[in-house]
Amino acid sequence: MPWSGGVYTKANNATGGWTGDATAGIGIEAGRHDTQDNDFTTGITSCLNKDGSNAATGNLNIGNFKLTNLGSGSASTDSVTFGQVTSGVSVINTTTAVNYTQCSNDATGPQLILRKNRSATTAGNTIAAASDQTGAIIFQGANGTGYTSSAAIIGAVDGTPGASNDMPGMLLFYTTADGSGSLTERMRIANTGNIGIGTGPSAVSRIYVQSSTATSASFALALLNSASADLFNVRGDGLINTGLAAASPYNTTTALATNATLLSTGVLARSTSSLKYKTDIADATHGLAEVLQLRPVTYRGKSDGITVFGGLIAEEVDAIGLSEFVVYDDNGNPDALAYGNLVSLAFKAIQQLNTKVEALEARIAELEA
């Protein structure tokens, strides 16, 4: 009978083969011999040659046994060894994209799961430790003699894992700078969800950004609209620009009085004048006498080109004793003037001057009478 399922039975098996035929006085007969030779031909043709000169025509049932002494896979259609999957690096050479498609009538998609334990075997489950990598995707390019990493995304343990259902994690993003062959961390997402760009995440800031320089050559943050117009940027040297877009603060005007001030701490605050924001209110004592001591000046700002301004000098106002109108720096030195508040000094001086005028008018009227 023909070769089937790896079992072959000779055509003259009932007589014990050719030896049995000879004992029984049966000679070599075409009917018996050709049938058996044809069966041999069919069986041998169905075999896989060990030199790989033919291919399987169906799925191979290994019968729950192992394929041993395998070579490491190197192409996308190759098998991989156990060592490649568990500890080594599997190299897949392909000139086309590798697609992973999940076909299922549900909301799930294909998954790539990378795992880490501190056991010596894949069957172990020893708990991971703080800062352990739980997986990495590394991107490399050929450099002429080998491969150099250009970027990487790494998952790691961000804290101390618990016995169960407690695995604080973070994502780290790396790139390689031009002229370098080493990966550098550029961004990190902590287990809290806080993000650090150019530096580690802050415990109290959702997004924490460090400029690449402390000069005007770089920006810590730059926002643009679809027309590439500046909306807001913070430069490495501290300059803040709100841009000139149609509805920017510069182009959105109002007749309301200035209601913002920049404190010496760098904080932007709203300037107010309502009674509900004030305490220890008392009548002003400074007035006309101090106004007469002020020296109005004209000047040009060191960073304002040829524009000429009018004003006062903070140090001179402080020297007169009008400290309530002076803004001081962190070292207690006069730094600016609260020009808006100077209106109270002017009003007091006007009132005192008016009193003098009224007295003179009364005296003149008395003399004329």
Protein backbone atom coordinates (compact mmCIF):
# COMPACT_ATOMS: atom_id res chain seq x y z
CA MET A 1 0.00 0.00 0.00
CA PRO A 2 1.23 3.58 -0.54
CA TRP A 3 3.10 5.65 2.11
CA SER A 4 0.55 7.30 4.40
CA GLY A 5 1.06 9.22 7.60
CA GLY A 6 4.61 7.92 7.98
CA VAL A 7 3.46 4.24 7.94
CA TYR A 8 4.37 1.99 5.00
CA THR A 9 3.24 -1.61 4.50
CA LYS A 10 4.92 -3.70 1.78
CA ALA A 11 2.67 -5.09 -0.92
CA ASN A 12 3.90 -8.66 -0.18
CA ASN A 13 3.86 -8.11 3.56
CA ALA A 14 1.44 -11.04 4.01
CA THR A 15 4.08 -13.59 2.90
CA GLY A 16 6.93 -11.93 4.79
CA GLY A 17 8.29 -9.90 1.89
CA TRP A 18 10.57 -11.21 -0.84
CA THR A 19 12.07 -13.84 1.46
CA GLY A 20 8.61 -15.20 2.19
CA ASP A 21 7.77 -15.18 -1.51
CA ALA A 22 10.91 -17.19 -2.28
CA THR A 23 10.10 -19.73 0.43
CA ALA A 24 6.61 -20.04 -0.99
CA GLY A 25 8.00 -20.54 -4.46
CA ILE A 26 6.70 -17.22 -5.69
CA GLY A 27 9.02 -15.54 -8.18
CA ILE A 28 9.46 -11.84 -8.86
CA GLU A 29 6.28 -10.84 -10.58
CA ALA A 30 5.55 -7.53 -12.25
CA GLY A 31 2.15 -7.26 -10.58
CA ARG A 32 3.69 -7.55 -7.18
CA HIS A 33 7.04 -5.82 -7.79
CA ASP A 34 5.76 -2.77 -9.76
CA THR A 35 3.06 -2.00 -7.24
CA GLN A 36 5.55 -1.98 -4.43
CA ASP A 37 8.09 0.10 -6.36
CA ASN A 38 5.36 2.64 -7.20
CA ASP A 39 4.48 2.83 -3.53
CA PHE A 40 8.17 3.45 -2.73
CA THR A 41 8.21 6.24 -5.32
CA THR A 42 5.11 7.89 -3.85
CA GLY A 43 6.42 7.64 -0.30
CA ILE A 44 9.91 8.92 -1.03
CA THR A 45 8.53 11.81 -3.09
CA SER A 46 6.37 12.82 -0.12
CA CYS A 47 9.35 13.00 2.24
CA LEU A 48 11.14 16.24 3.25
CA ASN A 49 14.77 16.04 2.23
CA LYS A 50 17.27 16.87 4.96
CA ASP A 51 19.28 19.03 2.53
CA GLY A 52 16.22 21.33 2.10
CA SER A 53 15.88 20.61 -1.62
CA ASN A 54 12.08 20.35 -1.38
CA ALA A 55 9.34 22.03 0.67
CA ALA A 56 6.42 20.90 2.79
CA THR A 57 3.02 20.95 1.15
CA GLY A 58 1.04 21.17 4.40
CA ASN A 59 1.28 21.85 8.11
CA LEU A 60 3.79 19.65 9.92
CA ASN A 61 2.54 17.80 13.00
CA ILE A 62 5.59 17.35 15.25
CA GLY A 63 3.61 15.11 17.58
CA ASN A 64 4.34 17.16 20.70
CA PHE A 65 8.09 16.79 20.15
CA LYS A 66 10.72 19.53 19.84
CA LEU A 67 12.65 20.82 16.89
CA THR A 68 16.20 20.78 18.23
CA ASN A 69 19.51 22.32 17.17
CA LEU A 70 17.75 25.17 15.35
CA GLY A 71 19.67 28.05 13.84
CA SER A 72 18.74 31.60 14.88
CA GLY A 73 16.15 33.22 12.63
CA SER A 74 17.28 36.21 10.57
CA ALA A 75 14.42 36.92 8.14
CA SER A 76 10.80 37.84 8.71
CA THR A 77 9.71 34.38 7.49
CA ASP A 78 12.23 32.46 9.66
CA SER A 79 11.46 30.65 12.89
CA VAL A 80 13.19 31.95 16.02
CA THR A 81 14.91 29.94 18.73
CA PHE A 82 13.88 29.90 22.36
CA GLY A 83 17.06 31.80 23.18
CA GLN A 84 16.20 34.58 20.74
CA VAL A 85 12.77 35.03 22.28
CA THR A 86 13.81 34.90 25.95
CA SER A 87 17.26 36.43 26.14
CA GLY A 88 18.85 37.12 22.81
CA VAL A 89 18.16 39.59 20.04
CA SER A 90 16.06 38.38 17.15
CA VAL A 91 17.21 39.84 13.86
CA ILE A 92 14.54 40.00 11.18
CA ASN A 93 15.68 41.18 7.77
CA THR A 94 12.92 42.47 5.56
CA THR A 95 12.45 45.05 2.84
CA THR A 96 8.74 45.50 3.56
CA ALA A 97 6.73 46.64 6.57
CA VAL A 98 5.68 44.03 9.10
CA ASN A 99 1.96 44.39 9.81
CA TYR A 100 0.14 43.02 12.83
CA THR A 101 -3.62 42.92 12.30
CA GLN A 102 -6.21 41.79 14.85
CA CYS A 103 -9.46 40.58 13.36
CA SER A 104 -12.10 40.49 16.07
CA ASN A 105 -15.56 41.98 16.49
CA ASP A 106 -14.66 44.01 19.60
CA ALA A 107 -12.89 47.19 20.67
CA THR A 108 -9.48 45.64 21.33
CA GLY A 109 -6.46 45.97 19.06
CA PRO A 110 -3.21 44.06 18.63
CA GLN A 111 -0.93 44.13 21.67
CA LEU A 112 2.80 43.94 22.16
CA ILE A 113 3.47 42.99 25.79
CA LEU A 114 6.98 43.33 27.25
CA ARG A 115 7.53 41.88 30.73
CA LYS A 116 10.23 42.01 33.40
CA ASN A 117 10.80 39.83 36.45
CA ARG A 118 13.90 39.27 38.56
CA SER A 119 13.77 35.46 38.39
CA ALA A 120 16.49 33.39 36.75
CA THR A 121 13.94 31.58 34.59
CA THR A 122 10.98 32.54 32.46
CA ALA A 123 8.72 30.53 34.74
CA GLY A 124 9.63 32.68 37.75
CA ASN A 125 7.75 35.69 39.09
CA THR A 126 10.22 37.46 41.38
CA ILE A 127 9.01 41.04 41.93
CA ALA A 128 10.68 43.80 39.94
CA ALA A 129 12.60 46.55 41.73
CA ALA A 130 12.52 50.35 41.54
CA SER A 131 14.11 51.73 38.33
CA ASP A 132 14.03 48.33 36.59
CA GLN A 133 13.30 48.56 32.89
CA THR A 134 10.07 46.78 32.00
CA GLY A 135 10.65 47.06 28.26
CA ALA A 136 12.36 49.09 25.59
CA ILE A 137 11.87 49.88 21.92
CA ILE A 138 15.20 50.94 20.41
CA PHE A 139 15.56 52.41 16.93
CA GLN A 140 18.90 51.98 15.13
CA GLY A 141 20.45 52.92 11.82
CA ALA A 142 23.43 51.51 9.95
CA ASN A 143 26.62 53.56 10.38
CA GLY A 144 28.75 51.82 7.76
CA THR A 145 30.30 49.23 10.06
CA GLY A 146 27.42 48.39 12.38
CA TYR A 147 24.33 49.92 13.90
CA THR A 148 23.93 52.98 16.13
CA SER A 149 20.88 53.85 18.22
CA SER A 150 19.01 56.95 17.06
CA ALA A 151 16.07 56.91 19.48
CA ALA A 152 14.42 54.82 22.17
CA ILE A 153 11.26 54.54 24.24
CA ILE A 154 11.77 52.81 27.57
CA GLY A 155 9.28 51.71 30.19
CA ALA A 156 10.59 51.50 33.76
CA VAL A 157 9.46 51.02 37.34
CA ASP A 158 8.94 54.42 38.98
CA GLY A 159 8.87 53.63 42.68
CA THR A 160 8.73 50.49 44.78
CA PRO A 161 6.31 47.81 43.49
CA GLY A 162 3.91 46.15 45.90
CA ALA A 163 3.09 42.49 46.28
CA SER A 164 0.16 42.68 43.88
CA ASN A 165 -1.53 45.27 41.66
CA ASP A 166 1.10 47.91 42.50
CA MET A 167 3.55 48.63 39.71
CA PRO A 168 4.31 52.39 39.50
CA GLY A 169 5.60 53.05 36.00
CA MET A 170 7.16 55.77 33.88
CA LEU A 171 7.99 56.29 30.21
CA LEU A 172 11.34 57.67 29.10
CA PHE A 173 11.98 59.08 25.63
CA TYR A 174 15.52 59.27 24.21
CA THR A 175 17.12 60.69 21.07
CA THR A 176 20.71 60.85 19.83
CA ALA A 177 22.17 64.28 19.10
CA ASP A 178 23.88 65.08 15.80
CA GLY A 179 27.54 64.07 15.98
CA SER A 180 26.90 61.63 18.83
CA GLY A 181 26.37 57.90 19.11
CA SER A 182 24.79 57.89 22.55
CA LEU A 183 21.16 58.13 23.56
CA THR A 184 20.15 61.07 25.77
CA GLU A 185 16.91 61.29 27.73
CA ARG A 186 14.74 64.12 26.40
CA MET A 187 11.36 63.60 28.06
CA ARG A 188 9.92 61.61 30.93
CA ILE A 189 6.34 60.89 32.01
CA ALA A 190 6.28 60.01 35.72
CA ASN A 191 3.86 57.63 37.40
CA THR A 192 1.87 60.71 38.49
CA GLY A 193 1.33 61.73 34.87
CA ASN A 194 3.58 64.77 35.34
CA ILE A 195 5.82 65.44 32.34
CA GLY A 196 9.41 66.67 32.30
CA ILE A 197 10.93 67.94 29.04
CA GLY A 198 14.66 68.60 29.09
CA THR A 199 14.67 67.78 32.79
CA GLY A 200 12.99 65.42 35.23
CA PRO A 201 9.29 65.92 36.04
CA SER A 202 8.36 68.22 38.92
CA ALA A 203 6.26 66.81 41.73
CA VAL A 204 4.00 69.88 41.63
CA SER A 205 3.91 70.75 37.92
CA ARG A 206 1.96 68.86 35.28
CA ILE A 207 4.40 70.00 32.59
CA TYR A 208 7.96 71.02 33.52
CA VAL A 209 10.14 72.35 30.70
CA GLN A 210 13.83 73.28 30.71
CA SER A 211 15.23 75.42 27.91
CA SER A 212 18.27 74.07 26.09
CA THR A 213 20.19 77.30 26.89
CA ALA A 214 19.94 80.27 29.25
CA THR A 215 20.30 82.76 26.40
CA SER A 216 18.16 84.33 23.70
CA ALA A 217 19.23 81.53 21.34
CA SER A 218 16.52 79.13 22.52
CA PHE A 219 12.97 78.96 23.88
CA ALA A 220 11.63 76.94 26.77
CA LEU A 221 8.15 77.26 25.24
CA ALA A 222 6.90 78.57 21.90
CA LEU A 223 3.27 78.47 20.73
CA LEU A 224 2.25 79.26 17.14
CA ASN A 225 -1.04 79.34 15.27
CA SER A 226 -1.69 77.61 11.94
CA ALA A 227 -0.24 80.62 10.11
CA SER A 228 3.02 80.28 12.10
CA ALA A 229 2.37 83.53 13.98
CA ASP A 230 3.71 83.76 17.53
CA LEU A 231 1.02 83.35 20.18
CA PHE A 232 3.22 83.02 23.25
CA ASN A 233 6.84 82.19 23.92
CA VAL A 234 9.26 82.12 26.82
CA ARG A 235 12.88 82.58 25.82
CA GLY A 236 15.84 80.97 27.53
CA ASP A 237 16.98 84.33 28.92
CA GLY A 238 13.57 84.99 30.50
CA LEU A 239 11.94 87.21 27.87
CA ILE A 240 8.19 86.60 27.47
CA ASN A 241 6.41 87.50 24.24
CA THR A 242 2.64 87.34 23.71
CA GLY A 243 2.92 87.91 19.95
CA LEU A 244 1.07 90.22 17.57
CA ALA A 245 -1.76 87.97 16.36
CA ALA A 246 -5.13 89.65 15.72
CA ALA A 247 -6.48 89.03 19.24
CA SER A 248 -3.16 89.17 21.09
CA PRO A 249 -2.92 91.24 24.29
CA TYR A 250 -1.19 93.98 22.27
CA ASN A 251 -4.01 94.19 19.73
CA THR A 252 -6.85 93.74 22.22
CA THR A 253 -7.20 97.28 23.59
CA THR A 254 -9.38 98.84 26.27
CA ALA A 255 -10.00 102.25 27.88
CA LEU A 256 -9.87 100.71 31.35
CA ALA A 257 -7.04 101.72 33.63
CA THR A 258 -3.95 99.51 33.85
CA ASN A 259 -4.80 96.71 36.25
CA ALA A 260 -1.70 94.50 36.20
CA THR A 261 1.73 94.82 37.73
CA LEU A 262 4.89 92.72 37.65
CA LEU A 263 6.19 92.06 41.14
CA SER A 264 9.89 91.87 41.99
CA THR A 265 9.38 88.11 42.44
CA GLY A 266 8.51 87.81 38.75
CA VAL A 267 4.83 87.19 39.54
CA LEU A 268 2.19 88.97 37.46
CA ALA A 269 -0.57 90.33 39.72
CA ARG A 270 -3.76 92.37 39.31
CA SER A 271 -3.58 95.95 40.57
CA THR A 272 -6.64 96.96 42.64
CA SER A 273 -7.97 100.04 44.45
CA SER A 274 -11.19 98.93 46.13
CA LEU A 275 -11.70 99.38 49.86
CA LYS A 276 -12.14 95.61 50.20
CA TYR A 277 -8.50 95.09 49.28
CA LYS A 278 -7.11 97.69 51.72
CA THR A 279 -6.36 97.95 55.42
CA ASP A 280 -4.81 100.49 57.84
CA ILE A 281 -6.21 103.41 55.81
CA ALA A 282 -5.07 106.87 56.97
CA ASP A 283 -4.97 110.39 55.53
CA ALA A 284 -1.80 111.12 53.55
CA THR A 285 0.64 113.55 55.16
CA HIS A 286 2.90 114.15 52.19
CA GLY A 287 1.79 116.82 49.81
CA LEU A 288 2.83 120.14 48.32
CA ALA A 289 6.11 120.42 50.22
CA GLU A 290 7.33 117.08 48.85
CA VAL A 291 6.03 117.78 45.35
CA LEU A 292 8.11 120.95 45.28
CA GLN A 293 11.19 118.84 46.05
CA LEU A 294 10.64 116.42 43.15
CA ARG A 295 12.78 116.76 40.07
CA PRO A 296 10.82 115.97 36.89
CA VAL A 297 13.26 114.70 34.23
CA THR A 298 13.35 113.48 30.66
CA TYR A 299 15.41 110.42 29.75
CA ARG A 300 15.98 107.57 27.31
CA GLY A 301 15.69 103.96 28.41
CA LYS A 302 18.85 101.92 27.85
CA SER A 303 16.91 99.35 25.81
CA ASP A 304 14.43 101.74 24.14
CA GLY A 305 16.55 103.31 21.42
CA ILE A 306 16.14 107.05 20.85
CA THR A 307 12.68 107.41 22.41
CA VAL A 308 12.55 110.16 25.07
CA PHE A 309 10.40 109.70 28.17
CA GLY A 310 9.37 111.94 31.04
CA GLY A 311 9.32 110.86 34.67
CA LEU A 312 11.10 110.83 38.01
CA ILE A 313 14.12 109.03 39.47
CA ALA A 314 13.26 106.32 42.01
CA GLU A 315 16.34 107.02 44.16
CA GLU A 316 15.47 110.73 44.38
CA VAL A 317 11.86 110.02 45.35
CA ASP A 318 13.15 107.63 48.05
CA ALA A 319 15.59 110.29 49.34
CA ILE A 320 12.72 112.74 49.92
CA GLY A 321 11.08 110.13 52.14
CA LEU A 322 8.28 109.14 49.76
CA SER A 323 8.92 105.40 50.19
CA GLU A 324 5.23 104.53 49.70
CA PHE A 325 5.62 105.42 46.04
CA VAL A 326 8.87 103.48 45.49
CA VAL A 327 9.18 99.83 44.38
CA TYR A 328 12.26 98.17 45.89
CA ASP A 329 14.26 95.18 44.65
CA ASP A 330 15.08 92.09 46.72
CA ASN A 331 18.06 93.90 48.25
CA GLY A 332 15.97 96.87 49.38
CA ASN A 333 17.27 99.23 46.72
CA PRO A 334 14.92 101.61 44.81
CA ASP A 335 14.01 99.89 41.53
CA ALA A 336 10.83 101.49 40.16
CA LEU A 337 8.04 103.94 40.94
CA ALA A 338 4.35 103.28 41.45
CA TYR A 339 3.38 106.16 39.17
CA GLY A 340 -0.31 105.35 39.48
CA ASN A 341 -0.11 105.87 43.25
CA LEU A 342 1.60 109.23 42.84
CA VAL A 343 -1.83 110.66 41.99
CA SER A 344 -2.62 110.77 45.72
CA LEU A 345 0.47 112.94 46.28
CA ALA A 346 -0.63 115.24 43.47
CA PHE A 347 -4.18 115.45 44.86
CA LYS A 348 -2.86 116.27 48.34
CA ALA A 349 -0.61 118.98 46.89
CA ILE A 350 -3.55 120.42 44.89
CA GLN A 351 -5.71 120.49 48.00
CA GLN A 352 -3.00 122.26 50.01
CA LEU A 353 -2.39 124.69 47.19
CA ASN A 354 -6.12 125.34 46.91
CA THR A 355 -6.25 126.15 50.62
CA LYS A 356 -3.51 128.73 50.08
CA VAL A 357 -5.37 130.18 47.10
CA GLU A 358 -8.61 130.45 49.02
CA ALA A 359 -6.84 132.19 51.88
CA LEU A 360 -5.23 134.67 49.50
CA GLU A 361 -8.55 135.31 47.75
CA ALA A 362 -10.18 136.01 51.11
CA ARG A 363 -7.38 138.37 52.09
CA ILE A 364 -7.60 140.22 48.77
CA ALA A 365 -11.37 140.53 49.10
CA GLU A 366 -10.93 141.91 52.61
CA LEU A 367 -8.35 144.49 51.47
CA GLU A 368 -10.46 145.55 48.49
CA ALA A 369 -13.45 146.06 50.72
